[in-house]
Amino acid sequence: VSVLTAFMISERGWVPDTEYIYDLEVDASF
């Protein structure tokens, strides 16, 4: 559904991050 790109400064250092995003609908009983 999406790709996110962000620049984060964290405990890991400087992180130019790219995340591939997925949606997953599940049943209420799952």
Full PDB file with SEQRES, HELIX, SHEET, SSBOND, CRYST1, ORIGX, SCALE, CONECT and MASTER records, all heavy atoms in Angstrom:
SEQRES   1 A   30  VAL SER VAL LEU THR ALA PHE MET ILE SER GLU ARG GLY          
SEQRES   2 A   30  TRP VAL PRO ASP THR GLU TYR ILE TYR ASP LEU GLU VAL          
SEQRES   3 A   30  ASP ALA SER PHE                                              
SHEET    1 AA1 2 SER A   2  SER A  10  0                                        
SHEET    2 AA1 2 GLY A  13  ILE A  21 -1                                        
CRYST1    1.000    1.000    1.000  90.00  90.00  90.00 P 1           1          
ORIGX1      1.000000  0.000000  0.000000        0.00000                         
ORIGX2      0.000000  1.000000  0.000000        0.00000                         
ORIGX3      0.000000  0.000000  1.000000        0.00000                         
SCALE1      1.000000  0.000000  0.000000        0.00000                         
SCALE2      0.000000  1.000000  0.000000        0.00000                         
SCALE3      0.000000  0.000000  1.000000        0.00000                         
ATOM      1  N   VAL A   1       0.787  -1.233   0.000  1.00  0.00           N  
ATOM      2  CA  VAL A   1       0.000   0.000   0.000  1.00  0.00           C  
ATOM      3  C   VAL A   1       0.820   1.284   0.000  1.00  0.00           C  
ATOM      4  O   VAL A   1       0.311   2.340  -0.381  1.00  0.00           O  
ATOM      5  CB  VAL A   1      -0.962   0.045   1.209  1.00  0.00           C  
ATOM      6  CG1 VAL A   1      -2.054  -1.013   1.059  1.00  0.00           C  
ATOM      7  CG2 VAL A   1      -0.201  -0.143   2.513  1.00  0.00           C  
ATOM      8  N   SER A   2       2.081   1.229   0.424  1.00  0.00           N  
ATOM      9  CA  SER A   2       2.783   2.499   0.603  1.00  0.00           C  
ATOM     10  C   SER A   2       4.275   2.263   0.763  1.00  0.00           C  
ATOM     11  O   SER A   2       4.728   1.138   1.009  1.00  0.00           O  
ATOM     12  CB  SER A   2       2.243   3.228   1.849  1.00  0.00           C  
ATOM     13  OG  SER A   2       2.820   4.496   2.018  1.00  0.00           O  
ATOM     14  N   VAL A   3       5.034   3.327   0.590  1.00  0.00           N  
ATOM     15  CA  VAL A   3       6.450   3.360   0.934  1.00  0.00           C  
ATOM     16  C   VAL A   3       6.686   4.627   1.747  1.00  0.00           C  
ATOM     17  O   VAL A   3       6.283   5.720   1.326  1.00  0.00           O  
ATOM     18  CB  VAL A   3       7.358   3.364  -0.313  1.00  0.00           C  
ATOM     19  CG1 VAL A   3       8.816   3.537   0.090  1.00  0.00           C  
ATOM     20  CG2 VAL A   3       7.197   2.075  -1.107  1.00  0.00           C  
ATOM     21  N   LEU A   4       7.295   4.485   2.901  1.00  0.00           N  
ATOM     22  CA  LEU A   4       7.593   5.632   3.756  1.00  0.00           C  
ATOM     23  C   LEU A   4       9.085   5.913   3.720  1.00  0.00           C  
ATOM     24  O   LEU A   4       9.899   4.992   3.744  1.00  0.00           O  
ATOM     25  CB  LEU A   4       7.159   5.358   5.198  1.00  0.00           C  
ATOM     26  CG  LEU A   4       5.700   4.982   5.424  1.00  0.00           C  
ATOM     27  CD1 LEU A   4       5.436   4.838   6.912  1.00  0.00           C  
ATOM     28  CD2 LEU A   4       4.761   5.992   4.798  1.00  0.00           C  
ATOM     29  N   THR A   5       9.439   7.183   3.671  1.00  0.00           N  
ATOM     30  CA  THR A   5      10.845   7.587   3.727  1.00  0.00           C  
ATOM     31  C   THR A   5      10.997   8.663   4.788  1.00  0.00           C  
ATOM     32  O   THR A   5      10.278   9.656   4.780  1.00  0.00           O  
ATOM     33  CB  THR A   5      11.323   8.125   2.367  1.00  0.00           C  
ATOM     34  OG1 THR A   5      10.411   9.139   1.906  1.00  0.00           O  
ATOM     35  CG2 THR A   5      11.389   7.012   1.324  1.00  0.00           C  
ATOM     36  N   ALA A   6      11.914   8.442   5.689  1.00  0.00           N  
ATOM     37  CA  ALA A   6      12.127   9.385   6.786  1.00  0.00           C  
ATOM     38  C   ALA A   6      13.604   9.388   7.153  1.00  0.00           C  
ATOM     39  O   ALA A   6      14.332   8.435   6.874  1.00  0.00           O  
ATOM     40  CB  ALA A   6      11.284   8.999   8.002  1.00  0.00           C  
ATOM     41  N   PHE A   7      14.046  10.472   7.763  1.00  0.00           N  
ATOM     42  CA  PHE A   7      15.421  10.560   8.269  1.00  0.00           C  
ATOM     43  C   PHE A   7      15.331  10.649   9.773  1.00  0.00           C  
ATOM     44  O   PHE A   7      14.760  11.599  10.319  1.00  0.00           O  
ATOM     45  CB  PHE A   7      16.134  11.784   7.695  1.00  0.00           C  
ATOM     46  CG  PHE A   7      17.622  11.767   7.920  1.00  0.00           C  
ATOM     47  CD1 PHE A   7      18.494  11.420   6.903  1.00  0.00           C  
ATOM     48  CD2 PHE A   7      18.163  12.091   9.161  1.00  0.00           C  
ATOM     49  CE1 PHE A   7      19.866  11.381   7.099  1.00  0.00           C  
ATOM     50  CE2 PHE A   7      19.530  12.072   9.373  1.00  0.00           C  
ATOM     51  CZ  PHE A   7      20.389  11.715   8.335  1.00  0.00           C  
ATOM     52  N   MET A   8      15.898   9.645  10.437  1.00  0.00           N  
ATOM     53  CA  MET A   8      15.802   9.583  11.889  1.00  0.00           C  
ATOM     54  C   MET A   8      17.182   9.631  12.536  1.00  0.00           C  
ATOM     55  O   MET A   8      18.150   9.088  11.987  1.00  0.00           O  
ATOM     56  CB  MET A   8      15.088   8.288  12.309  1.00  0.00           C  
ATOM     57  CG  MET A   8      13.648   8.225  11.839  1.00  0.00           C  
ATOM     58  SD  MET A   8      12.826   6.681  12.321  1.00  0.00           S  
ATOM     59  CE  MET A   8      13.675   5.527  11.250  1.00  0.00           C  
ATOM     60  N   ILE A   9      17.250  10.284  13.669  1.00  0.00           N  
ATOM     61  CA  ILE A   9      18.449  10.265  14.498  1.00  0.00           C  
ATOM     62  C   ILE A   9      18.087   9.488  15.755  1.00  0.00           C  
ATOM     63  O   ILE A   9      17.206   9.894  16.519  1.00  0.00           O  
ATOM     64  CB  ILE A   9      18.920  11.692  14.835  1.00  0.00           C  
ATOM     65  CG1 ILE A   9      19.276  12.448  13.546  1.00  0.00           C  
ATOM     66  CG2 ILE A   9      20.114  11.651  15.771  1.00  0.00           C  
ATOM     67  CD1 ILE A   9      19.664  13.898  13.763  1.00  0.00           C  
ATOM     68  N   SER A  10      18.719   8.352  15.940  1.00  0.00           N  
ATOM     69  CA  SER A  10      18.326   7.457  17.018  1.00  0.00           C  
ATOM     70  C   SER A  10      19.550   6.814  17.646  1.00  0.00           C  
ATOM     71  O   SER A  10      20.692   7.185  17.344  1.00  0.00           O  
ATOM     72  CB  SER A  10      17.390   6.371  16.462  1.00  0.00           C  
ATOM     73  OG  SER A  10      18.118   5.450  15.654  1.00  0.00           O  
ATOM     74  N   GLU A  11      19.311   5.825  18.493  1.00  0.00           N  
ATOM     75  CA  GLU A  11      20.407   5.102  19.134  1.00  0.00           C  
ATOM     76  C   GLU A  11      21.275   4.386  18.116  1.00  0.00           C  
ATOM     77  O   GLU A  11      22.413   4.014  18.408  1.00  0.00           O  
ATOM     78  CB  GLU A  11      19.837   4.084  20.129  1.00  0.00           C  
ATOM     79  CG  GLU A  11      19.009   2.986  19.489  1.00  0.00           C  
ATOM     80  CD  GLU A  11      18.407   2.033  20.500  1.00  0.00           C  
ATOM     81  OE1 GLU A  11      17.903   2.499  21.544  1.00  0.00           O  
ATOM     82  OE2 GLU A  11      18.445   0.815  20.253  1.00  0.00           O  
ATOM     83  N   ARG A  12      20.767   4.192  16.902  1.00  0.00           N  
ATOM     84  CA  ARG A  12      21.525   3.516  15.847  1.00  0.00           C  
ATOM     85  C   ARG A  12      22.366   4.473  15.020  1.00  0.00           C  
ATOM     86  O   ARG A  12      23.106   4.051  14.138  1.00  0.00           O  
ATOM     87  CB  ARG A  12      20.574   2.742  14.927  1.00  0.00           C  
ATOM     88  CG  ARG A  12      19.862   1.587  15.616  1.00  0.00           C  
ATOM     89  CD  ARG A  12      18.818   0.973  14.706  1.00  0.00           C  
ATOM     90  NE  ARG A  12      17.765   1.913  14.414  1.00  0.00           N  
ATOM     91  CZ  ARG A  12      16.933   1.800  13.381  1.00  0.00           C  
ATOM     92  NH1 ARG A  12      17.071   0.811  12.531  1.00  0.00           N  
ATOM     93  NH2 ARG A  12      15.987   2.689  13.194  1.00  0.00           N  
ATOM     94  N   GLY A  13      22.235   5.781  15.271  1.00  0.00           N  
ATOM     95  CA  GLY A  13      22.976   6.774  14.501  1.00  0.00           C  
ATOM     96  C   GLY A  13      22.049   7.572  13.610  1.00  0.00           C  
ATOM     97  O   GLY A  13      20.890   7.831  13.957  1.00  0.00           O  
ATOM     98  N   TRP A  14      22.560   7.985  12.457  1.00  0.00           N  
ATOM     99  CA  TRP A  14      21.753   8.699  11.459  1.00  0.00           C  
ATOM    100  C   TRP A  14      21.174   7.667  10.510  1.00  0.00           C  
ATOM    101  O   TRP A  14      21.912   6.895   9.883  1.00  0.00           O  
ATOM    102  CB  TRP A  14      22.611   9.689  10.683  1.00  0.00           C  
ATOM    103  CG  TRP A  14      23.104  10.849  11.503  1.00  0.00           C  
ATOM    104  CD1 TRP A  14      22.805  11.131  12.803  1.00  0.00           C  
ATOM    105  CD2 TRP A  14      23.980  11.897  11.057  1.00  0.00           C  
ATOM    106  NE1 TRP A  14      23.446  12.283  13.206  1.00  0.00           N  
ATOM    107  CE2 TRP A  14      24.173  12.774  12.158  1.00  0.00           C  
ATOM    108  CE3 TRP A  14      24.623  12.174   9.852  1.00  0.00           C  
ATOM    109  CZ2 TRP A  14      24.978  13.910  12.070  1.00  0.00           C  
ATOM    110  CZ3 TRP A  14      25.426  13.293   9.764  1.00  0.00           C  
ATOM    111  CH2 TRP A  14      25.595  14.166  10.859  1.00  0.00           C  
ATOM    112  N   VAL A  15      19.843   7.660  10.383  1.00  0.00           N  
ATOM    113  CA  VAL A  15      19.178   6.591   9.630  1.00  0.00           C  
ATOM    114  C   VAL A  15      18.260   7.178   8.560  1.00  0.00           C  
ATOM    115  O   VAL A  15      17.133   7.585   8.851  1.00  0.00           O  
ATOM    116  CB  VAL A  15      18.362   5.676  10.570  1.00  0.00           C  
ATOM    117  CG1 VAL A  15      17.751   4.513   9.777  1.00  0.00           C  
ATOM    118  CG2 VAL A  15      19.223   5.158  11.716  1.00  0.00           C  
ATOM    119  N   PRO A  16      18.718   7.231   7.286  1.00  0.00           N  
ATOM    120  CA  PRO A  16      17.810   7.548   6.183  1.00  0.00           C  
ATOM    121  C   PRO A  16      17.006   6.281   5.871  1.00  0.00           C  
ATOM    122  O   PRO A  16      17.507   5.351   5.244  1.00  0.00           O  
ATOM    123  CB  PRO A  16      18.743   7.917   5.027  1.00  0.00           C  
ATOM    124  CG  PRO A  16      20.130   7.925   5.604  1.00  0.00           C  
ATOM    125  CD  PRO A  16      20.097   7.052   6.817  1.00  0.00           C  
ATOM    126  N   ASP A  17      15.775   6.250   6.328  1.00  0.00           N  
ATOM    127  CA  ASP A  17      15.000   5.006   6.356  1.00  0.00           C  
ATOM    128  C   ASP A  17      13.976   4.942   5.231  1.00  0.00           C  
ATOM    129  O   ASP A  17      13.341   5.953   4.895  1.00  0.00           O  
ATOM    130  CB  ASP A  17      14.288   4.890   7.701  1.00  0.00           C  
ATOM    131  CG  ASP A  17      13.704   3.517   7.932  1.00  0.00           C  
ATOM    132  OD1 ASP A  17      14.396   2.525   7.652  1.00  0.00           O  
ATOM    133  OD2 ASP A  17      12.549   3.434   8.395  1.00  0.00           O  
ATOM    134  N   THR A  18      13.807   3.746   4.675  1.00  0.00           N  
ATOM    135  CA  THR A  18      12.779   3.477   3.674  1.00  0.00           C  
ATOM    136  C   THR A  18      12.042   2.218   4.096  1.00  0.00           C  
ATOM    137  O   THR A  18      12.660   1.175   4.290  1.00  0.00           O  
ATOM    138  CB  THR A  18      13.393   3.278   2.271  1.00  0.00           C  
ATOM    139  OG1 THR A  18      14.084   4.467   1.886  1.00  0.00           O  
ATOM    140  CG2 THR A  18      12.312   2.981   1.237  1.00  0.00           C  
ATOM    141  N   GLU A  19      10.727   2.323   4.243  1.00  0.00           N  
ATOM    142  CA  GLU A  19       9.925   1.191   4.697  1.00  0.00           C  
ATOM    143  C   GLU A  19       8.862   0.843   3.651  1.00  0.00           C  
ATOM    144  O   GLU A  19       8.094   1.704   3.216  1.00  0.00           O  
ATOM    145  CB  GLU A  19       9.236   1.512   6.025  1.00  0.00           C  
ATOM    146  CG  GLU A  19      10.184   1.832   7.177  1.00  0.00           C  
ATOM    147  CD  GLU A  19      10.968   0.619   7.652  1.00  0.00           C  
ATOM    148  OE1 GLU A  19      10.540  -0.522   7.353  1.00  0.00           O  
ATOM    149  OE2 GLU A  19      12.008   0.806   8.314  1.00  0.00           O  
ATOM    150  N   TYR A  20       8.825  -0.428   3.272  1.00  0.00           N  
ATOM    151  CA  TYR A  20       7.776  -0.942   2.388  1.00  0.00           C  
ATOM    152  C   TYR A  20       6.600  -1.377   3.266  1.00  0.00           C  
ATOM    153  O   TYR A  20       6.773  -2.197   4.169  1.00  0.00           O  
ATOM    154  CB  TYR A  20       8.301  -2.116   1.569  1.00  0.00           C  
ATOM    155  CG  TYR A  20       9.394  -1.726   0.595  1.00  0.00           C  
ATOM    156  CD1 TYR A  20      10.733  -1.712   0.989  1.00  0.00           C  
ATOM    157  CD2 TYR A  20       9.091  -1.362  -0.719  1.00  0.00           C  
ATOM    158  CE1 TYR A  20      11.743  -1.342   0.101  1.00  0.00           C  
ATOM    159  CE2 TYR A  20      10.093  -0.991  -1.609  1.00  0.00           C  
ATOM    160  CZ  TYR A  20      11.412  -0.987  -1.195  1.00  0.00           C  
ATOM    161  OH  TYR A  20      12.405  -0.619  -2.072  1.00  0.00           O  
ATOM    162  N   ILE A  21       5.417  -0.835   2.981  1.00  0.00           N  
ATOM    163  CA  ILE A  21       4.272  -1.004   3.872  1.00  0.00           C  
ATOM    164  C   ILE A  21       3.197  -1.880   3.226  1.00  0.00           C  
ATOM    165  O   ILE A  21       2.864  -1.713   2.041  1.00  0.00           O  
ATOM    166  CB  ILE A  21       3.654   0.357   4.246  1.00  0.00           C  
ATOM    167  CG1 ILE A  21       4.752   1.341   4.686  1.00  0.00           C  
ATOM    168  CG2 ILE A  21       2.603   0.183   5.342  1.00  0.00           C  
ATOM    169  CD1 ILE A  21       5.596   0.860   5.832  1.00  0.00           C  
ATOM    170  N   TYR A  22       2.646  -2.767   4.036  1.00  0.00           N  
ATOM    171  CA  TYR A  22       1.598  -3.679   3.597  1.00  0.00           C  
ATOM    172  C   TYR A  22       0.434  -3.631   4.582  1.00  0.00           C  
ATOM    173  O   TYR A  22       0.644  -3.482   5.793  1.00  0.00           O  
ATOM    174  CB  TYR A  22       2.122  -5.114   3.520  1.00  0.00           C  
ATOM    175  CG  TYR A  22       3.272  -5.308   2.566  1.00  0.00           C  
ATOM    176  CD1 TYR A  22       4.576  -4.945   2.933  1.00  0.00           C  
ATOM    177  CD2 TYR A  22       3.072  -5.845   1.303  1.00  0.00           C  
ATOM    178  CE1 TYR A  22       5.643  -5.110   2.064  1.00  0.00           C  
ATOM    179  CE2 TYR A  22       4.135  -6.027   0.419  1.00  0.00           C  
ATOM    180  CZ  TYR A  22       5.413  -5.654   0.808  1.00  0.00           C  
ATOM    181  OH  TYR A  22       6.461  -5.823  -0.059  1.00  0.00           O  
ATOM    182  N   ASP A  23      -0.780  -3.771   4.063  1.00  0.00           N  
ATOM    183  CA  ASP A  23      -1.961  -3.945   4.906  1.00  0.00           C  
ATOM    184  C   ASP A  23      -2.398  -5.398   4.839  1.00  0.00           C  
ATOM    185  O   ASP A  23      -2.331  -6.033   3.774  1.00  0.00           O  
ATOM    186  CB  ASP A  23      -3.111  -3.050   4.436  1.00  0.00           C  
ATOM    187  CG  ASP A  23      -2.975  -1.613   4.917  1.00  0.00           C  
ATOM    188  OD1 ASP A  23      -2.017  -1.310   5.645  1.00  0.00           O  
ATOM    189  OD2 ASP A  23      -3.832  -0.785   4.540  1.00  0.00           O  
ATOM    190  N   LEU A  24      -2.872  -5.915   5.964  1.00  0.00           N  
ATOM    191  CA  LEU A  24      -3.343  -7.293   6.031  1.00  0.00           C  
ATOM    192  C   LEU A  24      -4.613  -7.334   6.873  1.00  0.00           C  
ATOM    193  O   LEU A  24      -4.582  -7.161   8.089  1.00  0.00           O  
ATOM    194  CB  LEU A  24      -2.272  -8.196   6.663  1.00  0.00           C  
ATOM    195  CG  LEU A  24      -2.654  -9.664   6.855  1.00  0.00           C  
ATOM    196  CD1 LEU A  24      -2.853 -10.347   5.505  1.00  0.00           C  
ATOM    197  CD2 LEU A  24      -1.590 -10.387   7.671  1.00  0.00           C  
ATOM    198  N   GLU A  25      -5.753  -7.516   6.201  1.00  0.00           N  
ATOM    199  CA  GLU A  25      -7.005  -7.669   6.925  1.00  0.00           C  
ATOM    200  C   GLU A  25      -7.114  -9.095   7.451  1.00  0.00           C  
ATOM    201  O   GLU A  25      -6.881 -10.057   6.710  1.00  0.00           O  
ATOM    202  CB  GLU A  25      -8.200  -7.368   6.018  1.00  0.00           C  
ATOM    203  CG  GLU A  25      -9.539  -7.495   6.732  1.00  0.00           C  
ATOM    204  CD  GLU A  25     -10.733  -7.293   5.814  1.00  0.00           C  
ATOM    205  OE1 GLU A  25     -10.526  -6.952   4.628  1.00  0.00           O  
ATOM    206  OE2 GLU A  25     -11.872  -7.486   6.288  1.00  0.00           O  
ATOM    207  N   VAL A  26      -7.437  -9.224   8.721  1.00  0.00           N  
ATOM    208  CA  VAL A  26      -7.588 -10.542   9.320  1.00  0.00           C  
ATOM    209  C   VAL A  26      -8.975 -10.664   9.938  1.00  0.00           C  
ATOM    210  O   VAL A  26      -9.626  -9.673  10.264  1.00  0.00           O  
ATOM    211  CB  VAL A  26      -6.512 -10.807  10.396  1.00  0.00           C  
ATOM    212  CG1 VAL A  26      -5.132 -10.822   9.769  1.00  0.00           C  
ATOM    213  CG2 VAL A  26      -6.581  -9.783  11.520  1.00  0.00           C  
ATOM    214  N   ASP A  27      -9.427 -11.893  10.097  1.00  0.00           N  
ATOM    215  CA  ASP A  27     -10.717 -12.173  10.699  1.00  0.00           C  
ATOM    216  C   ASP A  27     -10.676 -11.899  12.196  1.00  0.00           C  
ATOM    217  O   ASP A  27      -9.615 -12.005  12.835  1.00  0.00           O  
ATOM    218  CB  ASP A  27     -11.090 -13.632  10.433  1.00  0.00           C  
ATOM    219  CG  ASP A  27     -12.511 -13.942  10.866  1.00  0.00           C  
ATOM    220  OD1 ASP A  27     -13.443 -13.614  10.110  1.00  0.00           O  
ATOM    221  OD2 ASP A  27     -12.678 -14.507  11.970  1.00  0.00           O  
ATOM    222  N   ALA A  28     -11.833 -11.581  12.749  1.00  0.00           N  
ATOM    223  CA  ALA A  28     -11.897 -11.266  14.180  1.00  0.00           C  
ATOM    224  C   ALA A  28     -11.473 -12.444  15.049  1.00  0.00           C  
ATOM    225  O   ALA A  28     -11.060 -12.262  16.202  1.00  0.00           O  
ATOM    226  CB  ALA A  28     -13.309 -10.825  14.544  1.00  0.00           C  
ATOM    227  N   SER A  29     -11.552 -13.659  14.523  1.00  0.00           N  
ATOM    228  CA  SER A  29     -11.190 -14.848  15.299  1.00  0.00           C  
ATOM    229  C   SER A  29      -9.700 -15.168  15.237  1.00  0.00           C  
ATOM    230  O   SER A  29      -9.215 -16.039  15.953  1.00  0.00           O  
ATOM    231  CB  SER A  29     -11.973 -16.062  14.788  1.00  0.00           C  
ATOM    232  OG  SER A  29     -11.635 -16.340  13.436  1.00  0.00           O  
ATOM    233  N   PHE A  30      -8.959 -14.429  14.391  1.00  0.00           N  
ATOM    234  CA  PHE A  30      -7.538 -14.704  14.204  1.00  0.00           C  
ATOM    235  C   PHE A  30      -6.711 -14.223  15.390  1.00  0.00           C  
ATOM    236  O   PHE A  30      -6.976 -13.158  15.964  1.00  0.00           O  
ATOM    237  CB  PHE A  30      -7.044 -14.013  12.922  1.00  0.00           C  
ATOM    238  CG  PHE A  30      -5.551 -13.943  12.804  1.00  0.00           C  
ATOM    239  CD1 PHE A  30      -4.814 -15.042  12.399  1.00  0.00           C  
ATOM    240  CD2 PHE A  30      -4.865 -12.771  13.116  1.00  0.00           C  
ATOM    241  CE1 PHE A  30      -3.435 -14.988  12.298  1.00  0.00           C  
ATOM    242  CE2 PHE A  30      -3.483 -12.702  13.011  1.00  0.00           C  
ATOM    243  CZ  PHE A  30      -2.771 -13.814  12.597  1.00  0.00           C  
TER     244      PHE A  30                                                      
MASTER        0    0    0    0    2    0    0    6  243    1    0    3          
END                                                                             
